Amino acid sequence: MAQLITEMVGGEPYHYYPFGEYVVRAPGVCGGRPTFKYTRIEITGTLERLAAGESIHEIVEGYRGRVSHEAIMEVVRLVMTQFVNTFPELGPVDSLGKHRVD
């Protein structure tokens, strides 16, 4: 996990673990679930909106400037990379199309 960062925001300390420039996990914010930095907007809601067919432009407008196009793209990249990294290695396949155990 990334190193805990502390910044002063509005005169109050804001502690978070960064996943990127825009996505963080902040202790005490939304149960520690990933949010957009400096907000209580969880990334899961954004992904659900994308899956439901909303465009990034519509989502940005819906968040009234609190979340940028770049932030949403970062979420998509982070989730896609994590998903792809969970794929197991595939072994060789024999002439019958069955996986061989070496």
N, C-alpha and C. Protein backbone atom coordinates (compact mmCIF):
# COMPACT_ATOMS: atom_id res chain seq x y z
N MET A 1 0.85 -1.17 0.00
CA MET A 1 0.00 0.00 0.00
C MET A 1 0.90 1.24 0.00
N ALA A 2 0.38 2.29 -0.57
CA ALA A 2 1.12 3.55 -0.65
C ALA A 2 1.30 4.13 0.76
N GLN A 3 2.18 5.08 0.85
CA GLN A 3 2.46 5.76 2.12
C GLN A 3 1.34 6.75 2.45
N LEU A 4 1.00 6.84 3.74
CA LEU A 4 -0.01 7.79 4.19
C LEU A 4 0.50 9.21 4.00
N ILE A 5 -0.32 10.04 3.37
CA ILE A 5 -0.01 11.44 3.11
C ILE A 5 -0.91 12.29 4.00
N THR A 6 -0.37 13.39 4.52
CA THR A 6 -1.18 14.32 5.29
C THR A 6 -1.03 15.70 4.68
N GLU A 7 -2.16 16.33 4.39
CA GLU A 7 -2.20 17.71 3.88
C GLU A 7 -3.15 18.50 4.75
N MET A 8 -2.96 19.80 4.78
CA MET A 8 -3.91 20.67 5.46
C MET A 8 -4.92 21.15 4.43
N VAL A 9 -6.20 20.91 4.69
CA VAL A 9 -7.27 21.31 3.78
C VAL A 9 -8.30 22.05 4.61
N GLY A 10 -8.50 23.32 4.29
CA GLY A 10 -9.45 24.12 5.05
C GLY A 10 -9.08 24.23 6.52
N GLY A 11 -7.79 24.22 6.81
CA GLY A 11 -7.32 24.32 8.19
C GLY A 11 -7.37 23.02 8.97
N GLU A 12 -7.78 21.94 8.33
CA GLU A 12 -7.88 20.63 8.98
C GLU A 12 -6.94 19.65 8.31
N PRO A 13 -6.36 18.72 9.06
CA PRO A 13 -5.51 17.71 8.43
C PRO A 13 -6.36 16.72 7.62
N TYR A 14 -5.88 16.39 6.44
CA TYR A 14 -6.53 15.42 5.56
C TYR A 14 -5.51 14.33 5.31
N HIS A 15 -5.79 13.12 5.81
CA HIS A 15 -4.90 11.97 5.69
C HIS A 15 -5.45 11.06 4.59
N TYR A 16 -4.57 10.59 3.73
CA TYR A 16 -5.03 9.69 2.66
C TYR A 16 -3.88 8.85 2.12
N TYR A 17 -4.27 7.72 1.53
CA TYR A 17 -3.35 6.86 0.79
C TYR A 17 -3.66 7.06 -0.69
N PRO A 18 -2.71 7.54 -1.46
CA PRO A 18 -2.99 7.79 -2.89
C PRO A 18 -2.91 6.51 -3.72
N PHE A 19 -3.84 6.39 -4.66
CA PHE A 19 -3.77 5.36 -5.70
C PHE A 19 -3.24 5.97 -6.98
N GLY A 20 -3.35 7.26 -7.09
CA GLY A 20 -2.93 8.03 -8.25
C GLY A 20 -3.02 9.50 -7.89
N GLU A 21 -3.17 10.32 -8.88
CA GLU A 21 -3.29 11.76 -8.65
C GLU A 21 -4.66 12.14 -8.11
N TYR A 22 -5.69 11.39 -8.49
CA TYR A 22 -7.07 11.77 -8.18
C TYR A 22 -7.81 10.80 -7.26
N VAL A 23 -7.34 9.59 -7.13
CA VAL A 23 -8.05 8.55 -6.38
C VAL A 23 -7.28 8.23 -5.10
N VAL A 24 -8.01 8.23 -3.97
CA VAL A 24 -7.38 8.00 -2.67
C VAL A 24 -8.25 7.11 -1.80
N ARG A 25 -7.65 6.60 -0.74
CA ARG A 25 -8.39 6.00 0.38
C ARG A 25 -8.03 6.85 1.59
N ALA A 26 -9.03 7.43 2.20
CA ALA A 26 -8.81 8.31 3.35
C ALA A 26 -9.44 7.68 4.59
N PRO A 27 -8.64 7.41 5.62
CA PRO A 27 -9.22 6.86 6.85
C PRO A 27 -10.34 7.77 7.37
N GLY A 28 -11.47 7.17 7.71
CA GLY A 28 -12.59 7.93 8.23
C GLY A 28 -13.48 8.57 7.18
N VAL A 29 -13.16 8.38 5.90
CA VAL A 29 -13.98 8.92 4.82
C VAL A 29 -14.58 7.75 4.06
N CYS A 30 -15.89 7.67 4.05
CA CYS A 30 -16.61 6.62 3.32
C CYS A 30 -16.12 5.22 3.70
N GLY A 31 -15.84 5.03 4.97
CA GLY A 31 -15.41 3.71 5.44
C GLY A 31 -14.08 3.26 4.87
N GLY A 32 -13.28 4.19 4.37
CA GLY A 32 -11.99 3.84 3.79
C GLY A 32 -12.08 3.34 2.36
N ARG A 33 -13.28 3.37 1.77
CA ARG A 33 -13.41 2.95 0.37
C ARG A 33 -12.81 4.02 -0.54
N PRO A 34 -12.30 3.65 -1.71
CA PRO A 34 -11.68 4.62 -2.60
C PRO A 34 -12.65 5.74 -3.02
N THR A 35 -12.16 6.96 -2.94
CA THR A 35 -12.93 8.14 -3.34
C THR A 35 -12.05 9.03 -4.21
N PHE A 36 -12.68 10.02 -4.81
CA PHE A 36 -11.92 11.05 -5.50
C PHE A 36 -11.35 11.98 -4.44
N LYS A 37 -10.11 12.35 -4.61
CA LYS A 37 -9.39 13.17 -3.63
C LYS A 37 -10.19 14.43 -3.29
N TYR A 38 -10.23 14.75 -2.01
CA TYR A 38 -10.91 15.92 -1.43
C TYR A 38 -12.43 15.85 -1.54
N THR A 39 -12.98 14.67 -1.82
CA THR A 39 -14.44 14.52 -1.90
C THR A 39 -14.87 13.30 -1.10
N ARG A 40 -16.15 13.13 -1.00
CA ARG A 40 -16.74 11.90 -0.46
C ARG A 40 -17.43 11.13 -1.58
N ILE A 41 -16.98 11.36 -2.80
CA ILE A 41 -17.56 10.69 -3.96
C ILE A 41 -16.79 9.39 -4.19
N GLU A 42 -17.47 8.27 -3.97
CA GLU A 42 -16.83 6.97 -4.12
C GLU A 42 -16.67 6.60 -5.59
N ILE A 43 -15.56 5.97 -5.91
CA ILE A 43 -15.31 5.61 -7.31
C ILE A 43 -16.28 4.55 -7.80
N THR A 44 -16.82 3.73 -6.89
CA THR A 44 -17.75 2.69 -7.33
C THR A 44 -19.00 3.29 -7.96
N GLY A 45 -19.48 4.39 -7.42
CA GLY A 45 -20.65 5.04 -8.01
C GLY A 45 -20.38 5.52 -9.42
N THR A 46 -19.18 6.02 -9.64
CA THR A 46 -18.80 6.49 -10.98
C THR A 46 -18.72 5.31 -11.95
N LEU A 47 -18.14 4.21 -11.50
CA LEU A 47 -18.06 3.03 -12.36
C LEU A 47 -19.44 2.47 -12.67
N GLU A 48 -20.34 2.51 -11.69
CA GLU A 48 -21.72 2.06 -11.94
C GLU A 48 -22.41 2.96 -12.97
N ARG A 49 -22.17 4.26 -12.89
CA ARG A 49 -22.77 5.18 -13.84
C ARG A 49 -22.23 4.92 -15.25
N LEU A 50 -20.92 4.67 -15.36
CA LEU A 50 -20.33 4.34 -16.67
C LEU A 50 -20.94 3.05 -17.21
N ALA A 51 -21.07 2.05 -16.35
CA ALA A 51 -21.63 0.76 -16.77
C ALA A 51 -23.08 0.89 -17.21
N ALA A 52 -23.78 1.86 -16.63
CA ALA A 52 -25.18 2.08 -16.99
C ALA A 52 -25.33 2.87 -18.29
N GLY A 53 -24.21 3.33 -18.85
CA GLY A 53 -24.25 4.00 -20.14
C GLY A 53 -24.09 5.50 -20.12
N GLU A 54 -23.90 6.09 -18.94
CA GLU A 54 -23.67 7.54 -18.90
C GLU A 54 -22.32 7.85 -19.50
N SER A 55 -22.23 8.96 -20.18
CA SER A 55 -20.94 9.37 -20.75
C SER A 55 -20.12 10.05 -19.66
N ILE A 56 -18.82 10.10 -19.88
CA ILE A 56 -17.94 10.79 -18.93
C ILE A 56 -18.37 12.25 -18.82
N HIS A 57 -18.72 12.86 -19.93
CA HIS A 57 -19.17 14.26 -19.91
C HIS A 57 -20.38 14.43 -19.00
N GLU A 58 -21.36 13.52 -19.10
CA GLU A 58 -22.55 13.59 -18.25
C GLU A 58 -22.22 13.42 -16.78
N ILE A 59 -21.29 12.53 -16.49
CA ILE A 59 -20.89 12.30 -15.10
C ILE A 59 -20.19 13.52 -14.54
N VAL A 60 -19.26 14.10 -15.31
CA VAL A 60 -18.56 15.31 -14.87
C VAL A 60 -19.57 16.41 -14.58
N GLU A 61 -20.53 16.60 -15.47
CA GLU A 61 -21.56 17.62 -15.26
C GLU A 61 -22.37 17.32 -14.00
N GLY A 62 -22.69 16.05 -13.79
CA GLY A 62 -23.47 15.65 -12.61
C GLY A 62 -22.74 15.91 -11.30
N TYR A 63 -21.43 15.83 -11.34
CA TYR A 63 -20.63 16.10 -10.14
C TYR A 63 -20.32 17.59 -9.98
N ARG A 64 -20.83 18.41 -10.87
CA ARG A 64 -20.71 19.87 -10.81
C ARG A 64 -19.27 20.36 -10.58
N GLY A 65 -18.36 19.78 -11.34
CA GLY A 65 -16.98 20.25 -11.30
C GLY A 65 -16.14 19.69 -10.16
N ARG A 66 -16.72 18.87 -9.31
CA ARG A 66 -15.93 18.31 -8.20
C ARG A 66 -15.06 17.15 -8.65
N VAL A 67 -15.40 16.55 -9.81
CA VAL A 67 -14.63 15.44 -10.37
C VAL A 67 -14.39 15.74 -11.84
N SER A 68 -13.14 15.65 -12.26
CA SER A 68 -12.79 15.99 -13.65
C SER A 68 -12.81 14.76 -14.55
N HIS A 69 -12.78 15.04 -15.84
CA HIS A 69 -12.67 14.00 -16.86
C HIS A 69 -11.41 13.17 -16.60
N GLU A 70 -10.30 13.84 -16.29
CA GLU A 70 -9.03 13.15 -16.04
C GLU A 70 -9.14 12.21 -14.83
N ALA A 71 -9.87 12.65 -13.81
CA ALA A 71 -10.04 11.81 -12.62
C ALA A 71 -10.81 10.54 -12.96
N ILE A 72 -11.84 10.65 -13.76
CA ILE A 72 -12.63 9.48 -14.15
C ILE A 72 -11.79 8.54 -15.00
N MET A 73 -11.00 9.09 -15.90
CA MET A 73 -10.13 8.26 -16.72
C MET A 73 -9.11 7.53 -15.84
N GLU A 74 -8.62 8.18 -14.79
CA GLU A 74 -7.69 7.52 -13.88
C GLU A 74 -8.36 6.32 -13.22
N VAL A 75 -9.61 6.48 -12.79
CA VAL A 75 -10.35 5.37 -12.18
C VAL A 75 -10.44 4.20 -13.16
N VAL A 76 -10.80 4.47 -14.38
CA VAL A 76 -10.94 3.41 -15.38
C VAL A 76 -9.60 2.70 -15.57
N ARG A 77 -8.52 3.46 -15.68
CA ARG A 77 -7.18 2.84 -15.85
C ARG A 77 -6.80 2.01 -14.63
N LEU A 78 -7.02 2.54 -13.43
CA LEU A 78 -6.66 1.82 -12.21
C LEU A 78 -7.42 0.50 -12.10
N VAL A 79 -8.72 0.54 -12.33
CA VAL A 79 -9.54 -0.66 -12.21
C VAL A 79 -9.19 -1.66 -13.30
N MET A 80 -8.98 -1.19 -14.52
CA MET A 80 -8.63 -2.09 -15.61
C MET A 80 -7.28 -2.77 -15.33
N THR A 81 -6.30 -2.01 -14.88
CA THR A 81 -4.98 -2.57 -14.60
C THR A 81 -5.07 -3.60 -13.49
N GLN A 82 -5.79 -3.27 -12.43
CA GLN A 82 -5.94 -4.22 -11.32
C GLN A 82 -6.64 -5.48 -11.78
N PHE A 83 -7.67 -5.34 -12.60
CA PHE A 83 -8.40 -6.50 -13.13
C PHE A 83 -7.48 -7.38 -13.95
N VAL A 84 -6.75 -6.80 -14.86
CA VAL A 84 -5.86 -7.57 -15.73
C VAL A 84 -4.76 -8.25 -14.91
N ASN A 85 -4.28 -7.58 -13.87
CA ASN A 85 -3.22 -8.16 -13.03
C ASN A 85 -3.70 -9.35 -12.20
N THR A 86 -5.00 -9.57 -12.10
CA THR A 86 -5.51 -10.72 -11.34
C THR A 86 -5.64 -11.97 -12.20
N PHE A 87 -5.43 -11.87 -13.50
CA PHE A 87 -5.52 -13.04 -14.36
C PHE A 87 -4.43 -14.04 -13.99
N PRO A 88 -4.78 -15.32 -13.89
CA PRO A 88 -3.74 -16.32 -13.62
C PRO A 88 -2.91 -16.57 -14.88
N GLU A 89 -1.72 -17.03 -14.67
CA GLU A 89 -0.86 -17.41 -15.80
C GLU A 89 -1.51 -18.62 -16.48
N LEU A 90 -1.46 -18.65 -17.80
CA LEU A 90 -1.96 -19.80 -18.55
C LEU A 90 -0.78 -20.65 -18.96
N GLY A 91 -0.92 -21.94 -18.73
CA GLY A 91 0.14 -22.87 -19.11
C GLY A 91 0.01 -23.27 -20.57
N PRO A 92 0.92 -24.11 -21.01
CA PRO A 92 0.88 -24.58 -22.39
C PRO A 92 -0.36 -25.44 -22.64
N VAL A 93 -0.77 -25.52 -23.89
CA VAL A 93 -1.94 -26.31 -24.31
C VAL A 93 -1.44 -27.43 -25.21
N ASP A 94 -1.97 -28.66 -24.99
CA ASP A 94 -1.55 -29.78 -25.83
C ASP A 94 -2.32 -29.77 -27.15
N SER A 95 -2.08 -30.73 -27.99
CA SER A 95 -2.69 -30.77 -29.33
C SER A 95 -4.21 -30.98 -29.27
N LEU A 96 -4.74 -31.41 -28.15
CA LEU A 96 -6.19 -31.59 -27.98
C LEU A 96 -6.85 -30.36 -27.37
N GLY A 97 -6.07 -29.32 -27.16
CA GLY A 97 -6.62 -28.10 -26.57
C GLY A 97 -6.76 -28.14 -25.06
N LYS A 98 -6.08 -29.06 -24.43
CA LYS A 98 -6.12 -29.19 -22.97
C LYS A 98 -4.84 -28.60 -22.39
N HIS A 99 -4.99 -27.99 -21.21
CA HIS A 99 -3.81 -27.46 -20.54
C HIS A 99 -2.94 -28.60 -20.05
N ARG A 100 -1.64 -28.49 -20.34
CA ARG A 100 -0.68 -29.48 -19.88
C ARG A 100 -0.18 -29.10 -18.51
N VAL A 101 0.12 -30.07 -17.72
CA VAL A 101 0.77 -29.84 -16.43
C VAL A 101 2.18 -30.34 -16.59
N ASP A 102 3.13 -29.43 -16.50
CA ASP A 102 4.55 -29.83 -16.66
C ASP A 102 5.14 -30.31 -15.38
